[in-house]
C-alpha atoms as a PDB file:
ATOM      1  CA  MET A   1      74.989  97.210  73.647  1.00  0.00           C
ATOM      2  CA  PHE A   2      78.203  97.452  71.748  1.00  0.00           C
ATOM      3  CA  HIS A   3      79.070  94.497  68.888  1.00  0.00           C
ATOM      4  CA  ARG A   4      82.323  95.717  67.784  1.00  0.00           C
ATOM      5  CA  ILE A   5      84.610  98.512  69.535  1.00  0.00           C
ATOM      6  CA  VAL A   6      87.932  99.873  68.203  1.00  0.00           C
ATOM      7  CA  VAL A   7      90.893 100.326  70.899  1.00  0.00           C
ATOM      8  CA  PRO A   8      93.573 102.171  69.816  1.00  0.00           C
ATOM      9  CA  LEU A   9      96.994 101.689  71.560  1.00  0.00           C
ATOM     10  CA  ASP A  10     100.176 103.693  71.376  1.00  0.00           C
ATOM     11  CA  GLY A  11     102.613 101.292  72.941  1.00  0.00           C
ATOM     12  CA  SER A  12     102.633 102.939  76.386  1.00  0.00           C
ATOM     13  CA  PRO A  13     101.508 101.876  79.678  1.00  0.00           C
ATOM     14  CA  LEU A  14      98.821 104.864  79.846  1.00  0.00           C
ATOM     15  CA  ALA A  15      97.011 103.506  76.535  1.00  0.00           C
ATOM     16  CA  GLU A  16      97.065  99.990  77.644  1.00  0.00           C
ATOM     17  CA  ALA A  17      95.247 100.997  80.949  1.00  0.00           C
ATOM     18  CA  ILE A  18      92.134 100.763  78.866  1.00  0.00           C
ATOM     19  CA  LEU A  19      92.504  97.155  78.373  1.00  0.00           C
ATOM     20  CA  PRO A  20      90.896  95.881  81.747  1.00  0.00           C
ATOM     21  CA  GLU A  21      87.903  98.028  81.287  1.00  0.00           C
ATOM     22  CA  VAL A  22      87.420  96.779  77.840  1.00  0.00           C
ATOM     23  CA  GLN A  23      87.806  93.290  79.030  1.00  0.00           C
ATOM     24  CA  ARG A  24      85.322  94.166  81.726  1.00  0.00           C
ATOM     25  CA  LEU A  25      83.017  95.581  79.183  1.00  0.00           C
ATOM     26  CA  ALA A  26      83.070  92.399  76.998  1.00  0.00           C
ATOM     27  CA  ALA A  27      82.889  89.941  79.770  1.00  0.00           C
ATOM     28  CA  ASN A  28      79.839  87.353  78.780  1.00  0.00           C
ATOM     29  CA  THR A  29      78.956  89.297  75.800  1.00  0.00           C
ATOM     30  CA  PRO A  30      79.511  88.587  71.875  1.00  0.00           C
ATOM     31  CA  LEU A  31      81.789  91.915  71.682  1.00  0.00           C
ATOM     32  CA  GLU A  32      84.449  92.003  69.058  1.00  0.00           C
ATOM     33  CA  VAL A  33      87.523  94.022  69.791  1.00  0.00           C
ATOM     34  CA  VAL A  34      89.591  95.611  66.880  1.00  0.00           C
ATOM     35  CA  LEU A  35      92.864  96.746  68.413  1.00  0.00           C
ATOM     36  CA  LEU A  36      94.424  99.807  66.676  1.00  0.00           C
ATOM     37  CA  ALA A  37      98.044 100.775  66.262  1.00  0.00           C
ATOM     38  CA  VAL A  38      98.837 103.926  64.311  1.00  0.00           C
ATOM     39  CA  GLY A  39     102.368 104.527  63.263  1.00  0.00           C
ATOM     40  CA  PRO A  40     103.827 108.168  62.300  1.00  0.00           C
ATOM     41  CA  MET A  41     103.920 108.542  58.434  1.00  0.00           C
ATOM     42  CA  PRO A  42     107.585 109.670  57.714  1.00  0.00           C
ATOM     43  CA  HIS A  43     107.969 113.320  56.690  1.00  0.00           C
ATOM     44  CA  THR A  44     111.604 112.826  55.218  1.00  0.00           C
ATOM     45  CA  VAL A  45     113.394 110.006  53.691  1.00  0.00           C
ATOM     46  CA  GLU A  46     116.798 109.122  53.627  1.00  0.00           C
ATOM     47  CA  GLU A  47     118.276 109.213  49.973  1.00  0.00           C
ATOM     48  CA  ARG A  48     119.390 105.774  48.980  1.00  0.00           C
ATOM     49  CA  ASP A  49     119.374 103.363  46.052  1.00  0.00           C
ATOM     50  CA  GLY A  50     115.382 104.506  45.502  1.00  0.00           C
ATOM     51  CA  GLN A  51     113.599 106.481  47.648  1.00  0.00           C
ATOM     52  CA  THR A  52     110.188 104.486  47.355  1.00  0.00           C
ATOM     53  CA  ALA A  53     111.880 101.317  47.818  1.00  0.00           C
ATOM     54  CA  TYR A  54     113.248 102.694  51.169  1.00  0.00           C
ATOM     55  CA  LEU A  55     110.076 104.302  52.307  1.00  0.00           C
ATOM     56  CA  ASP A  56     108.095 100.792  51.923  1.00  0.00           C
ATOM     57  CA  ASP A  57     110.878  98.817  53.720  1.00  0.00           C
ATOM     58  CA  LEU A  58     110.679 101.522  56.691  1.00  0.00           C
ATOM     59  CA  LEU A  59     106.798 101.006  56.433  1.00  0.00           C
ATOM     60  CA  ALA A  60     107.329  97.466  56.490  1.00  0.00           C
ATOM     61  CA  GLU A  61     109.228  97.097  59.086  1.00  0.00           C
ATOM     62  CA  GLN A  62     107.397  99.543  61.357  1.00  0.00           C
ATOM     63  CA  GLU A  63     104.227  97.305  60.622  1.00  0.00           C
ATOM     64  CA  GLN A  64     105.948  94.459  61.910  1.00  0.00           C
ATOM     65  CA  ASP A  65     106.836  96.161  65.121  1.00  0.00           C
ATOM     66  CA  LEU A  66     103.466  97.004  65.759  1.00  0.00           C
ATOM     67  CA  ARG A  67     101.952  94.047  64.941  1.00  0.00           C
ATOM     68  CA  GLU A  68     104.225  92.287  66.883  1.00  0.00           C
ATOM     69  CA  TYR A  69     103.321  94.615  69.635  1.00  0.00           C
ATOM     70  CA  LEU A  70      99.430  93.990  69.445  1.00  0.00           C
ATOM     71  CA  ARG A  71     100.287  90.283  69.673  1.00  0.00           C
ATOM     72  CA  VAL A  72     100.397  90.332  73.297  1.00  0.00           C
ATOM     73  CA  PRO A  73      97.552  92.664  74.346  1.00  0.00           C
ATOM     74  CA  ALA A  74      95.465  90.451  71.584  1.00  0.00           C
ATOM     75  CA  HIS A  75      96.746  87.462  73.414  1.00  0.00           C
ATOM     76  CA  TRP A  76      95.672  88.522  76.606  1.00  0.00           C
ATOM     77  CA  LEU A  77      92.081  89.505  75.553  1.00  0.00           C
ATOM     78  CA  ASN A  78      91.912  86.140  73.763  1.00  0.00           C
ATOM     79  CA  GLY A  79      92.730  84.437  77.237  1.00  0.00           C
ATOM     80  CA  TYR A  80      89.012  85.795  78.487  1.00  0.00           C
ATOM     81  CA  ARG A  81      87.490  84.585  75.109  1.00  0.00           C
ATOM     82  CA  ILE A  82      86.957  88.019  73.555  1.00  0.00           C
ATOM     83  CA  PRO A  83      87.386  88.019  69.856  1.00  0.00           C
ATOM     84  CA  VAL A  84      90.080  90.115  68.909  1.00  0.00           C
ATOM     85  CA  GLU A  85      91.330  91.559  65.328  1.00  0.00           C
ATOM     86  CA  THR A  86      94.134  93.859  65.012  1.00  0.00           C
ATOM     87  CA  ARG A  87      94.870  96.536  62.665  1.00  0.00           C
ATOM     88  CA  VAL A  88      98.184  98.707  61.712  1.00  0.00           C
ATOM     89  CA  ARG A  89      97.626 101.909  59.863  1.00  0.00           C
ATOM     90  CA  PHE A  90      99.862 104.929  59.529  1.00  0.00           C
ATOM     91  CA  GLY A  91      99.243 108.972  59.702  1.00  0.00           C
ATOM     92  CA  GLU A  92      97.888 111.132  62.179  1.00  0.00           C
ATOM     93  CA  PRO A  93      96.668 109.211  64.916  1.00  0.00           C
ATOM     94  CA  ALA A  94      93.174 110.793  65.619  1.00  0.00           C
ATOM     95  CA  ALA A  95      92.229 110.595  62.124  1.00  0.00           C
ATOM     96  CA  GLU A  96      93.365 107.302  61.868  1.00  0.00           C
ATOM     97  CA  ILE A  97      91.161 105.975  64.988  1.00  0.00           C
ATOM     98  CA  VAL A  98      88.231 107.664  63.549  1.00  0.00           C
ATOM     99  CA  ARG A  99      88.653 106.175  60.038  1.00  0.00           C
ATOM    100  CA  CYS A 100      89.333 102.685  61.316  1.00  0.00           C
ATOM    101  CA  ALA A 101      86.163 102.864  63.216  1.00  0.00           C
ATOM    102  CA  GLU A 102      83.986 104.091  60.279  1.00  0.00           C
ATOM    103  CA  GLU A 103      85.699 101.327  58.137  1.00  0.00           C
ATOM    104  CA  GLU A 104      85.303  98.919  60.578  1.00  0.00           C
ATOM    105  CA  GLU A 105      81.547  99.646  61.251  1.00  0.00           C
ATOM    106  CA  ALA A 106      82.556  99.721  64.819  1.00  0.00           C
ATOM    107  CA  ASP A 107      79.622 100.674  67.534  1.00  0.00           C
ATOM    108  CA  ALA A 108      82.309 102.673  69.929  1.00  0.00           C
ATOM    109  CA  ILE A 109      85.909 103.633  70.501  1.00  0.00           C
ATOM    110  CA  ALA A 110      87.548 102.844  73.939  1.00  0.00           C
ATOM    111  CA  MET A 111      90.451 104.761  74.943  1.00  0.00           C
ATOM    112  CA  CYS A 112      92.408 106.603  77.294  1.00  0.00           C
ATOM    113  CA  THR A 113      93.179 109.945  77.951  1.00  0.00           C
ATOM    114  CA  HIS A 114      96.156 111.648  79.699  1.00  0.00           C
ATOM    115  CA  GLY A 115      93.403 114.231  81.306  1.00  0.00           C
ATOM    116  CA  ARG A 116      95.716 117.266  80.819  1.00  0.00           C
ATOM    117  CA  THR A 117      94.396 120.549  80.990  1.00  0.00           C
ATOM    118  CA  GLY A 118      95.299 124.187  80.480  1.00  0.00           C
ATOM    119  CA  ILE A 119      98.392 125.096  79.162  1.00  0.00           C
ATOM    120  CA  ASP A 120      99.475 121.418  78.713  1.00  0.00           C
ATOM    121  CA  ARG A 121      96.542 120.791  76.688  1.00  0.00           C
ATOM    122  CA  MET A 122      97.213 123.639  74.473  1.00  0.00           C
ATOM    123  CA  ILE A 123     100.656 122.775  73.826  1.00  0.00           C
ATOM    124  CA  GLN A 124     100.448 119.047  73.333  1.00  0.00           C
ATOM    125  CA  GLY A 125      96.801 118.713  72.165  1.00  0.00           C
ATOM    126  CA  SER A 126      94.818 115.640  72.977  1.00  0.00           C
ATOM    127  CA  ILE A 127      94.278 113.108  70.354  1.00  0.00           C
ATOM    128  CA  ALA A 128      91.287 111.816  72.779  1.00  0.00           C
ATOM    129  CA  GLY A 129      89.629 115.512  72.398  1.00  0.00           C
ATOM    130  CA  THR A 130      90.251 115.470  68.740  1.00  0.00           C
ATOM    131  CA  VAL A 131      88.577 111.748  68.183  1.00  0.00           C
ATOM    132  CA  LEU A 132      85.792 112.815  70.295  1.00  0.00           C
ATOM    133  CA  ARG A 133      85.242 116.102  68.418  1.00  0.00           C
ATOM    134  CA  SER A 134      85.435 114.047  65.040  1.00  0.00           C
ATOM    135  CA  THR A 135      82.977 111.024  65.491  1.00  0.00           C
ATOM    136  CA  ARG A 136      79.369 110.583  66.252  1.00  0.00           C
ATOM    137  CA  LEU A 137      80.423 107.137  67.705  1.00  0.00           C
ATOM    138  CA  PRO A 138      80.081 106.727  71.373  1.00  0.00           C
ATOM    139  CA  ILE A 139      83.783 106.795  73.123  1.00  0.00           C
ATOM    140  CA  VAL A 140      84.587 105.231  76.121  1.00  0.00           C
ATOM    141  CA  LEU A 141      87.253 107.231  77.681  1.00  0.00           C
ATOM    142  CA  LEU A 142      89.379 106.786  80.841  1.00  0.00           C
ATOM    143  CA  ARG A 143      91.650 108.590  82.745  1.00  0.00           C
ATOM    144  CA  PRO A 144      94.023 105.954  84.034  1.00  0.00           C
ATOM    145  CA  THR A 145      95.313 105.488  87.722  1.00  0.00           C
ATOM    146  CA  ASP A 146      98.474 106.481  88.652  1.00  0.00           C
ATOM    147  CA  ALA A 147     100.076 103.321  88.023  1.00  0.00           C
ATOM    148  CA  ALA A 148      99.422 103.754  84.387  1.00  0.00           C
ATOM    149  CA  PHE A 149     101.281 107.293  84.830  1.00  0.00           C
ATOM    150  CA  ALA A 150     104.173 105.675  86.224  1.00  0.00           C
ATOM    151  CA  GLY A 151     104.706 103.410  83.749  1.00  0.00           C
ATOM    152  CA  GLN A 152     103.535 100.037  84.481  1.00  0.00           C
ATOM    153  CA  ARG A 153     102.506  98.058  81.540  1.00  0.00           C
ATOM    154  CA  ALA A 154      99.101  96.795  81.530  1.00  0.00           C
ATOM    155  CA  SER A 155     100.328  93.534  80.448  1.00  0.00           C
ATOM    156  CA  GLU A 156     102.726  93.178  83.369  1.00  0.00           C
ATOM    157  CA  ALA A 157      99.840  94.600  85.907  1.00  0.00           C
ATOM    158  CA  LYS A 158      98.624  91.632  88.571  1.00  0.00           C
ATOM    159  CA  HIS A 159      95.035  92.534  87.217  1.00  0.00           C
ATOM    160  CA  LEU A 160      95.860  91.524  83.442  1.00  0.00           C
ATOM    161  CA  THR A 161      97.600  88.427  84.028  1.00  0.00           C
ATOM    162  CA  LEU A 162      96.670  85.811  81.693  1.00  0.00           C
ATOM    163  CA  VAL A 163      94.129  82.788  82.758  1.00  0.00           C
END
């Protein structure tokens, strides 16, 4: 049985499609969920009064936006009496997902995969695949339904209505 699970979300309906599975997994258990959002680390910074101050401001704005985004799925899971914490990190997504799971002493990671194959996978890579190869933790991987690929947000889906 899992006690703590990290669930990375990137703001897309595809990533959010894992939430109903996490809700089912956590139902009537003491499972704690850590929702994680990983923002990109800026590669270049516009020159202003102080480069460091500008970078700090940019990261603070991104962090606030990501925390606000995570508030909705956290609220949805809390509606099912599932304990939820949120984390925001910056950097390369797969590395930060694995690092967060280690630091949080998680028992597993739950996430969606695009299910790309062939040339698409070679060109675009796979965060889920990189996470899978980078950790010894169990990973709950879900290839979402067509509704998620069509852009329906999990928080807007009928099956995710708050109770």
